[in-house]
Amino acid sequence: MQTDVTPPGTPPRVTDRILVLGGARSGKSWFAETLASVGGVVDYLATSARDTDDPEWEARVVAHQRRRPPQWQTIETLDVATELGRRTDRLLLVDCLTVWLTRQMDLAGSWDESPGADQALRAATGALVSALGTCLRPVVLVSNEVGQGVVPASASGRRFRDAMGILNAQVAGVCDQVFFCTAGLPQRLK
């Protein structure tokens, strides 16, 4: 892990581990793509599956794809840890940890508190954070900040909010730089 901290105002180095946080439609994906674009050819890791039964979601996916340069390679997988461990100089852009966590909670049975769900979720998030901490390739990760609004009315909503906050804090802890986007304006936190 790097021990030096880049002074505020200095453009990120493409050898860094960078986390970009923000609320919905805050500009976080656009900013992350802007950071990644200095890395040349990029591996774009999409954690969401296409859903042709949901036209609004499909439109979002298509809009993201159109923004990307044609030489970027798209990887659709939940196995973020393996991609973080891959030996390559290609920058990895992970968009986004929020969808990844939702899908991990689906797989673990977290929504209805299935037996072993908490342990399964901790194992999945622990593997991702561990892989990020030892990652040698440049990486930019996108995630939603969900804990600044109204307390969710449902137990499952509160469970997700808490898990997202914990994951964001763990990922931020092993990243070299952290940005927070508000109204399309990125602010450097770390």
C-alpha atoms as a PDB file:
ATOM      1  CA  MET A   1       0.000   0.000   0.000  1.00  0.00           C
ATOM      2  CA  GLN A   2       1.253   3.455  -0.831  1.00  0.00           C
ATOM      3  CA  THR A   3       2.224   5.564   2.151  1.00  0.00           C
ATOM      4  CA  ASP A   4       2.455   8.935   0.446  1.00  0.00           C
ATOM      5  CA  VAL A   5      -0.652  11.057   0.082  1.00  0.00           C
ATOM      6  CA  THR A   6      -1.105  13.188  -3.007  1.00  0.00           C
ATOM      7  CA  PRO A   7      -1.748  16.838  -2.092  1.00  0.00           C
ATOM      8  CA  PRO A   8      -5.289  18.116  -2.743  1.00  0.00           C
ATOM      9  CA  GLY A   9      -5.668  19.541  -6.246  1.00  0.00           C
ATOM     10  CA  THR A  10      -3.167  17.093  -7.735  1.00  0.00           C
ATOM     11  CA  PRO A  11      -4.647  14.817 -10.424  1.00  0.00           C
ATOM     12  CA  PRO A  12      -4.837  11.182  -9.284  1.00  0.00           C
ATOM     13  CA  ARG A  13      -2.092   8.852 -10.437  1.00  0.00           C
ATOM     14  CA  VAL A  14      -3.351   5.886 -12.423  1.00  0.00           C
ATOM     15  CA  THR A  15      -1.413   3.567 -10.086  1.00  0.00           C
ATOM     16  CA  ASP A  16      -3.708   4.466  -7.216  1.00  0.00           C
ATOM     17  CA  ARG A  17      -6.691   2.707  -5.682  1.00  0.00           C
ATOM     18  CA  ILE A  18      -9.420   5.330  -5.883  1.00  0.00           C
ATOM     19  CA  LEU A  19     -12.953   5.231  -4.442  1.00  0.00           C
ATOM     20  CA  VAL A  20     -15.618   7.552  -5.835  1.00  0.00           C
ATOM     21  CA  LEU A  21     -18.687   7.928  -3.610  1.00  0.00           C
ATOM     22  CA  GLY A  22     -21.900   9.863  -4.119  1.00  0.00           C
ATOM     23  CA  GLY A  23     -25.654   9.724  -4.065  1.00  0.00           C
ATOM     24  CA  ALA A  24     -27.920   8.729  -6.915  1.00  0.00           C
ATOM     25  CA  ARG A  25     -27.261  10.733 -10.089  1.00  0.00           C
ATOM     26  CA  SER A  26     -24.507  12.708  -8.352  1.00  0.00           C
ATOM     27  CA  GLY A  27     -22.016  12.368 -11.216  1.00  0.00           C
ATOM     28  CA  LYS A  28     -19.939   9.665  -9.554  1.00  0.00           C
ATOM     29  CA  SER A  29     -19.828   7.299 -12.555  1.00  0.00           C
ATOM     30  CA  TRP A  30     -18.998  10.134 -14.943  1.00  0.00           C
ATOM     31  CA  PHE A  31     -16.200  11.325 -12.634  1.00  0.00           C
ATOM     32  CA  ALA A  32     -14.844   7.785 -12.224  1.00  0.00           C
ATOM     33  CA  GLU A  33     -14.851   7.325 -16.003  1.00  0.00           C
ATOM     34  CA  THR A  34     -13.015  10.637 -16.358  1.00  0.00           C
ATOM     35  CA  LEU A  35     -10.352   9.470 -13.878  1.00  0.00           C
ATOM     36  CA  ALA A  36     -10.064   6.113 -15.605  1.00  0.00           C
ATOM     37  CA  SER A  37      -9.725   7.655 -19.061  1.00  0.00           C
ATOM     38  CA  VAL A  38      -6.155   8.742 -18.266  1.00  0.00           C
ATOM     39  CA  GLY A  39      -5.326   5.050 -17.910  1.00  0.00           C
ATOM     40  CA  GLY A  40      -5.566   4.246 -21.626  1.00  0.00           C
ATOM     41  CA  VAL A  41      -7.193   0.869 -22.178  1.00  0.00           C
ATOM     42  CA  VAL A  42      -9.526   0.119 -19.281  1.00  0.00           C
ATOM     43  CA  ASP A  43     -11.220  -3.009 -17.980  1.00  0.00           C
ATOM     44  CA  TYR A  44     -14.734  -1.833 -17.069  1.00  0.00           C
ATOM     45  CA  LEU A  45     -16.193  -4.222 -14.524  1.00  0.00           C
ATOM     46  CA  ALA A  46     -19.984  -3.997 -14.508  1.00  0.00           C
ATOM     47  CA  THR A  47     -21.530  -5.598 -11.444  1.00  0.00           C
ATOM     48  CA  SER A  48     -25.091  -5.389 -12.742  1.00  0.00           C
ATOM     49  CA  ALA A  49     -26.766  -7.847 -15.029  1.00  0.00           C
ATOM     50  CA  ARG A  50     -28.749  -6.623 -18.025  1.00  0.00           C
ATOM     51  CA  ASP A  51     -32.493  -6.755 -17.475  1.00  0.00           C
ATOM     52  CA  THR A  52     -34.394  -6.435 -20.724  1.00  0.00           C
ATOM     53  CA  ASP A  53     -37.658  -6.696 -18.731  1.00  0.00           C
ATOM     54  CA  ASP A  54     -36.864  -3.350 -17.076  1.00  0.00           C
ATOM     55  CA  PRO A  55     -36.708  -0.665 -19.804  1.00  0.00           C
ATOM     56  CA  GLU A  56     -35.547   2.068 -17.422  1.00  0.00           C
ATOM     57  CA  TRP A  57     -32.632  -0.045 -16.152  1.00  0.00           C
ATOM     58  CA  GLU A  58     -31.770  -1.119 -19.706  1.00  0.00           C
ATOM     59  CA  ALA A  59     -31.670   2.560 -20.757  1.00  0.00           C
ATOM     60  CA  ARG A  60     -29.227   3.303 -17.923  1.00  0.00           C
ATOM     61  CA  VAL A  61     -26.953   0.447 -18.975  1.00  0.00           C
ATOM     62  CA  VAL A  62     -27.002   1.590 -22.617  1.00  0.00           C
ATOM     63  CA  ALA A  63     -26.232   5.200 -21.597  1.00  0.00           C
ATOM     64  CA  HIS A  64     -23.217   3.999 -19.582  1.00  0.00           C
ATOM     65  CA  GLN A  65     -21.994   1.900 -22.501  1.00  0.00           C
ATOM     66  CA  ARG A  66     -22.268   4.784 -24.974  1.00  0.00           C
ATOM     67  CA  ARG A  67     -20.118   7.010 -22.739  1.00  0.00           C
ATOM     68  CA  ARG A  68     -17.243   4.534 -22.718  1.00  0.00           C
ATOM     69  CA  PRO A  69     -14.473   4.620 -25.300  1.00  0.00           C
ATOM     70  CA  PRO A  70     -14.705   1.676 -27.713  1.00  0.00           C
ATOM     71  CA  GLN A  71     -11.315   0.271 -26.659  1.00  0.00           C
ATOM     72  CA  TRP A  72     -12.502  -0.301 -23.085  1.00  0.00           C
ATOM     73  CA  GLN A  73     -13.223  -3.957 -22.339  1.00  0.00           C
ATOM     74  CA  THR A  74     -16.458  -4.667 -20.442  1.00  0.00           C
ATOM     75  CA  ILE A  75     -16.398  -7.472 -17.887  1.00  0.00           C
ATOM     76  CA  GLU A  76     -19.732  -8.483 -16.344  1.00  0.00           C
ATOM     77  CA  THR A  77     -19.123 -10.425 -13.130  1.00  0.00           C
ATOM     78  CA  LEU A  78     -19.713 -10.496  -9.400  1.00  0.00           C
ATOM     79  CA  ASP A  79     -16.214 -11.889  -8.855  1.00  0.00           C
ATOM     80  CA  VAL A  80     -14.608  -8.512  -8.254  1.00  0.00           C
ATOM     81  CA  ALA A  81     -11.912 -10.041  -6.017  1.00  0.00           C
ATOM     82  CA  THR A  82     -10.548 -12.177  -8.862  1.00  0.00           C
ATOM     83  CA  GLU A  83     -10.346  -9.190 -11.204  1.00  0.00           C
ATOM     84  CA  LEU A  84      -8.592  -7.139  -8.510  1.00  0.00           C
ATOM     85  CA  GLY A  85      -6.023  -9.920  -8.215  1.00  0.00           C
ATOM     86  CA  ARG A  86      -5.395 -10.259 -11.936  1.00  0.00           C
ATOM     87  CA  ARG A  87      -1.823  -9.349 -12.871  1.00  0.00           C
ATOM     88  CA  THR A  88      -2.060  -6.621 -15.491  1.00  0.00           C
ATOM     89  CA  ASP A  89      -1.247  -2.958 -15.904  1.00  0.00           C
ATOM     90  CA  ARG A  90      -4.731  -2.255 -17.265  1.00  0.00           C
ATOM     91  CA  LEU A  91      -6.744   0.045 -15.067  1.00  0.00           C
ATOM     92  CA  LEU A  92      -9.844  -1.599 -13.566  1.00  0.00           C
ATOM     93  CA  LEU A  93     -12.994   0.523 -13.209  1.00  0.00           C
ATOM     94  CA  VAL A  94     -15.580  -1.152 -10.930  1.00  0.00           C
ATOM     95  CA  ASP A  95     -19.091   0.271 -11.320  1.00  0.00           C
ATOM     96  CA  CYS A  96     -20.575  -0.200  -8.850  1.00  0.00           C
ATOM     97  CA  LEU A  97     -20.124  -1.608  -5.360  1.00  0.00           C
ATOM     98  CA  THR A  98     -23.721  -0.761  -4.462  1.00  0.00           C
ATOM     99  CA  VAL A  99     -25.150  -3.116  -7.079  1.00  0.00           C
ATOM    100  CA  TRP A 100     -22.466  -5.686  -6.189  1.00  0.00           C
ATOM    101  CA  LEU A 101     -23.497  -5.566  -2.518  1.00  0.00           C
ATOM    102  CA  THR A 102     -27.185  -5.868  -3.414  1.00  0.00           C
ATOM    103  CA  ARG A 103     -26.446  -8.979  -5.453  1.00  0.00           C
ATOM    104  CA  GLN A 104     -24.265 -10.417  -2.670  1.00  0.00           C
ATOM    105  CA  MET A 105     -27.118  -9.858  -0.209  1.00  0.00           C
ATOM    106  CA  ASP A 106     -29.421 -11.693  -2.637  1.00  0.00           C
ATOM    107  CA  LEU A 107     -27.029 -14.646  -2.803  1.00  0.00           C
ATOM    108  CA  ALA A 108     -26.483 -14.728   0.970  1.00  0.00           C
ATOM    109  CA  GLY A 109     -30.180 -14.551   1.804  1.00  0.00           C
ATOM    110  CA  SER A 110     -29.689 -11.336   3.751  1.00  0.00           C
ATOM    111  CA  TRP A 111     -33.073  -9.828   2.959  1.00  0.00           C
ATOM    112  CA  ASP A 112     -35.003 -12.401   4.951  1.00  0.00           C
ATOM    113  CA  GLU A 113     -32.150 -13.112   7.407  1.00  0.00           C
ATOM    114  CA  SER A 114     -31.618 -16.680   6.245  1.00  0.00           C
ATOM    115  CA  PRO A 115     -29.387 -18.802   8.501  1.00  0.00           C
ATOM    116  CA  GLY A 116     -25.742 -18.076   7.746  1.00  0.00           C
ATOM    117  CA  ALA A 117     -26.552 -14.925   5.733  1.00  0.00           C
ATOM    118  CA  ASP A 118     -24.469 -12.596   7.885  1.00  0.00           C
ATOM    119  CA  GLN A 119     -21.442 -14.886   7.718  1.00  0.00           C
ATOM    120  CA  ALA A 120     -21.783 -15.331   3.947  1.00  0.00           C
ATOM    121  CA  LEU A 121     -22.033 -11.587   3.424  1.00  0.00           C
ATOM    122  CA  ARG A 122     -19.037 -10.895   5.692  1.00  0.00           C
ATOM    123  CA  ALA A 123     -17.025 -13.494   3.759  1.00  0.00           C
ATOM    124  CA  ALA A 124     -17.898 -11.908   0.399  1.00  0.00           C
ATOM    125  CA  THR A 125     -17.164  -8.351   1.507  1.00  0.00           C
ATOM    126  CA  GLY A 126     -14.024  -9.464   3.345  1.00  0.00           C
ATOM    127  CA  ALA A 127     -12.697 -11.167   0.207  1.00  0.00           C
ATOM    128  CA  LEU A 128     -13.304  -8.022  -1.859  1.00  0.00           C
ATOM    129  CA  VAL A 129     -11.637  -5.702   0.681  1.00  0.00           C
ATOM    130  CA  SER A 130      -8.691  -8.090   1.123  1.00  0.00           C
ATOM    131  CA  ALA A 131      -8.178  -8.350  -2.653  1.00  0.00           C
ATOM    132  CA  LEU A 132      -8.341  -4.567  -2.957  1.00  0.00           C
ATOM    133  CA  GLY A 133      -5.783  -4.157  -0.182  1.00  0.00           C
ATOM    134  CA  THR A 134      -3.271  -6.302  -2.067  1.00  0.00           C
ATOM    135  CA  CYS A 135      -4.255  -5.159  -5.570  1.00  0.00           C
ATOM    136  CA  LEU A 136      -1.278  -4.193  -7.719  1.00  0.00           C
ATOM    137  CA  ARG A 137      -3.209  -2.860 -10.693  1.00  0.00           C
ATOM    138  CA  PRO A 138      -4.670   0.644 -10.797  1.00  0.00           C
ATOM    139  CA  VAL A 139      -8.343   0.647  -9.821  1.00  0.00           C
ATOM    140  CA  VAL A 140     -11.208   3.120  -9.594  1.00  0.00           C
ATOM    141  CA  LEU A 141     -14.301   1.964  -7.689  1.00  0.00           C
ATOM    142  CA  VAL A 142     -17.746   3.591  -7.665  1.00  0.00           C
ATOM    143  CA  SER A 143     -20.170   3.290  -4.761  1.00  0.00           C
ATOM    144  CA  ASN A 144     -23.281   4.987  -3.441  1.00  0.00           C
ATOM    145  CA  GLU A 145     -23.292   6.806  -0.145  1.00  0.00           C
ATOM    146  CA  VAL A 146     -26.653   5.784   1.265  1.00  0.00           C
ATOM    147  CA  GLY A 147     -26.465   6.700   4.951  1.00  0.00           C
ATOM    148  CA  GLN A 148     -27.075  10.438   4.835  1.00  0.00           C
ATOM    149  CA  GLY A 149     -30.817  10.465   4.287  1.00  0.00           C
ATOM    150  CA  VAL A 150     -33.940   9.289   5.989  1.00  0.00           C
ATOM    151  CA  VAL A 151     -33.695   6.119   8.077  1.00  0.00           C
ATOM    152  CA  PRO A 152     -35.271   3.356   5.961  1.00  0.00           C
ATOM    153  CA  ALA A 153     -38.692   2.233   7.185  1.00  0.00           C
ATOM    154  CA  SER A 154     -38.044  -1.484   6.645  1.00  0.00           C
ATOM    155  CA  ALA A 155     -35.641  -3.794   8.438  1.00  0.00           C
ATOM    156  CA  SER A 156     -34.195  -4.932   5.100  1.00  0.00           C
ATOM    157  CA  GLY A 157     -33.639  -1.309   4.061  1.00  0.00           C
ATOM    158  CA  ARG A 158     -31.796  -0.586   7.301  1.00  0.00           C
ATOM    159  CA  ARG A 159     -29.783  -3.803   6.879  1.00  0.00           C
ATOM    160  CA  PHE A 160     -28.714  -2.701   3.403  1.00  0.00           C
ATOM    161  CA  ARG A 161     -27.876   0.846   4.524  1.00  0.00           C
ATOM    162  CA  ASP A 162     -25.720  -0.493   7.348  1.00  0.00           C
ATOM    163  CA  ALA A 163     -23.946  -3.053   5.135  1.00  0.00           C
ATOM    164  CA  MET A 164     -23.280  -0.395   2.483  1.00  0.00           C
ATOM    165  CA  GLY A 165     -21.850   2.001   5.052  1.00  0.00           C
ATOM    166  CA  ILE A 166     -19.583  -0.694   6.480  1.00  0.00           C
ATOM    167  CA  LEU A 167     -18.369  -1.748   3.014  1.00  0.00           C
ATOM    168  CA  ASN A 168     -17.718   1.856   1.950  1.00  0.00           C
ATOM    169  CA  ALA A 169     -15.701   2.502   5.131  1.00  0.00           C
ATOM    170  CA  GLN A 170     -13.647  -0.670   4.642  1.00  0.00           C
ATOM    171  CA  VAL A 171     -12.963   0.093   0.975  1.00  0.00           C
ATOM    172  CA  ALA A 172     -12.069   3.716   1.769  1.00  0.00           C
ATOM    173  CA  GLY A 173      -9.631   2.431   4.377  1.00  0.00           C
ATOM    174  CA  VAL A 174      -7.541   0.576   1.775  1.00  0.00           C
ATOM    175  CA  CYS A 175      -7.856   3.153  -1.005  1.00  0.00           C
ATOM    176  CA  ASP A 176      -5.206   5.775  -1.648  1.00  0.00           C
ATOM    177  CA  GLN A 177      -7.725   8.429  -2.619  1.00  0.00           C
ATOM    178  CA  VAL A 178     -11.431   8.919  -1.934  1.00  0.00           C
ATOM    179  CA  PHE A 179     -13.733  11.406  -3.676  1.00  0.00           C
ATOM    180  CA  PHE A 180     -17.317  12.375  -2.881  1.00  0.00           C
ATOM    181  CA  CYS A 181     -19.558  13.692  -5.658  1.00  0.00           C
ATOM    182  CA  THR A 182     -22.395  16.095  -4.923  1.00  0.00           C
ATOM    183  CA  ALA A 183     -24.433  17.675  -7.727  1.00  0.00           C
ATOM    184  CA  GLY A 184     -21.754  16.686 -10.247  1.00  0.00           C
ATOM    185  CA  LEU A 185     -18.973  18.287  -8.213  1.00  0.00           C
ATOM    186  CA  PRO A 186     -16.267  15.919  -6.917  1.00  0.00           C
ATOM    187  CA  GLN A 187     -14.631  16.724  -3.600  1.00  0.00           C
ATOM    188  CA  ARG A 188     -11.501  14.973  -2.410  1.00  0.00           C
ATOM    189  CA  LEU A 189     -11.844  13.407   1.040  1.00  0.00           C
ATOM    190  CA  LYS A 190      -8.577  11.475   1.185  1.00  0.00           C
END
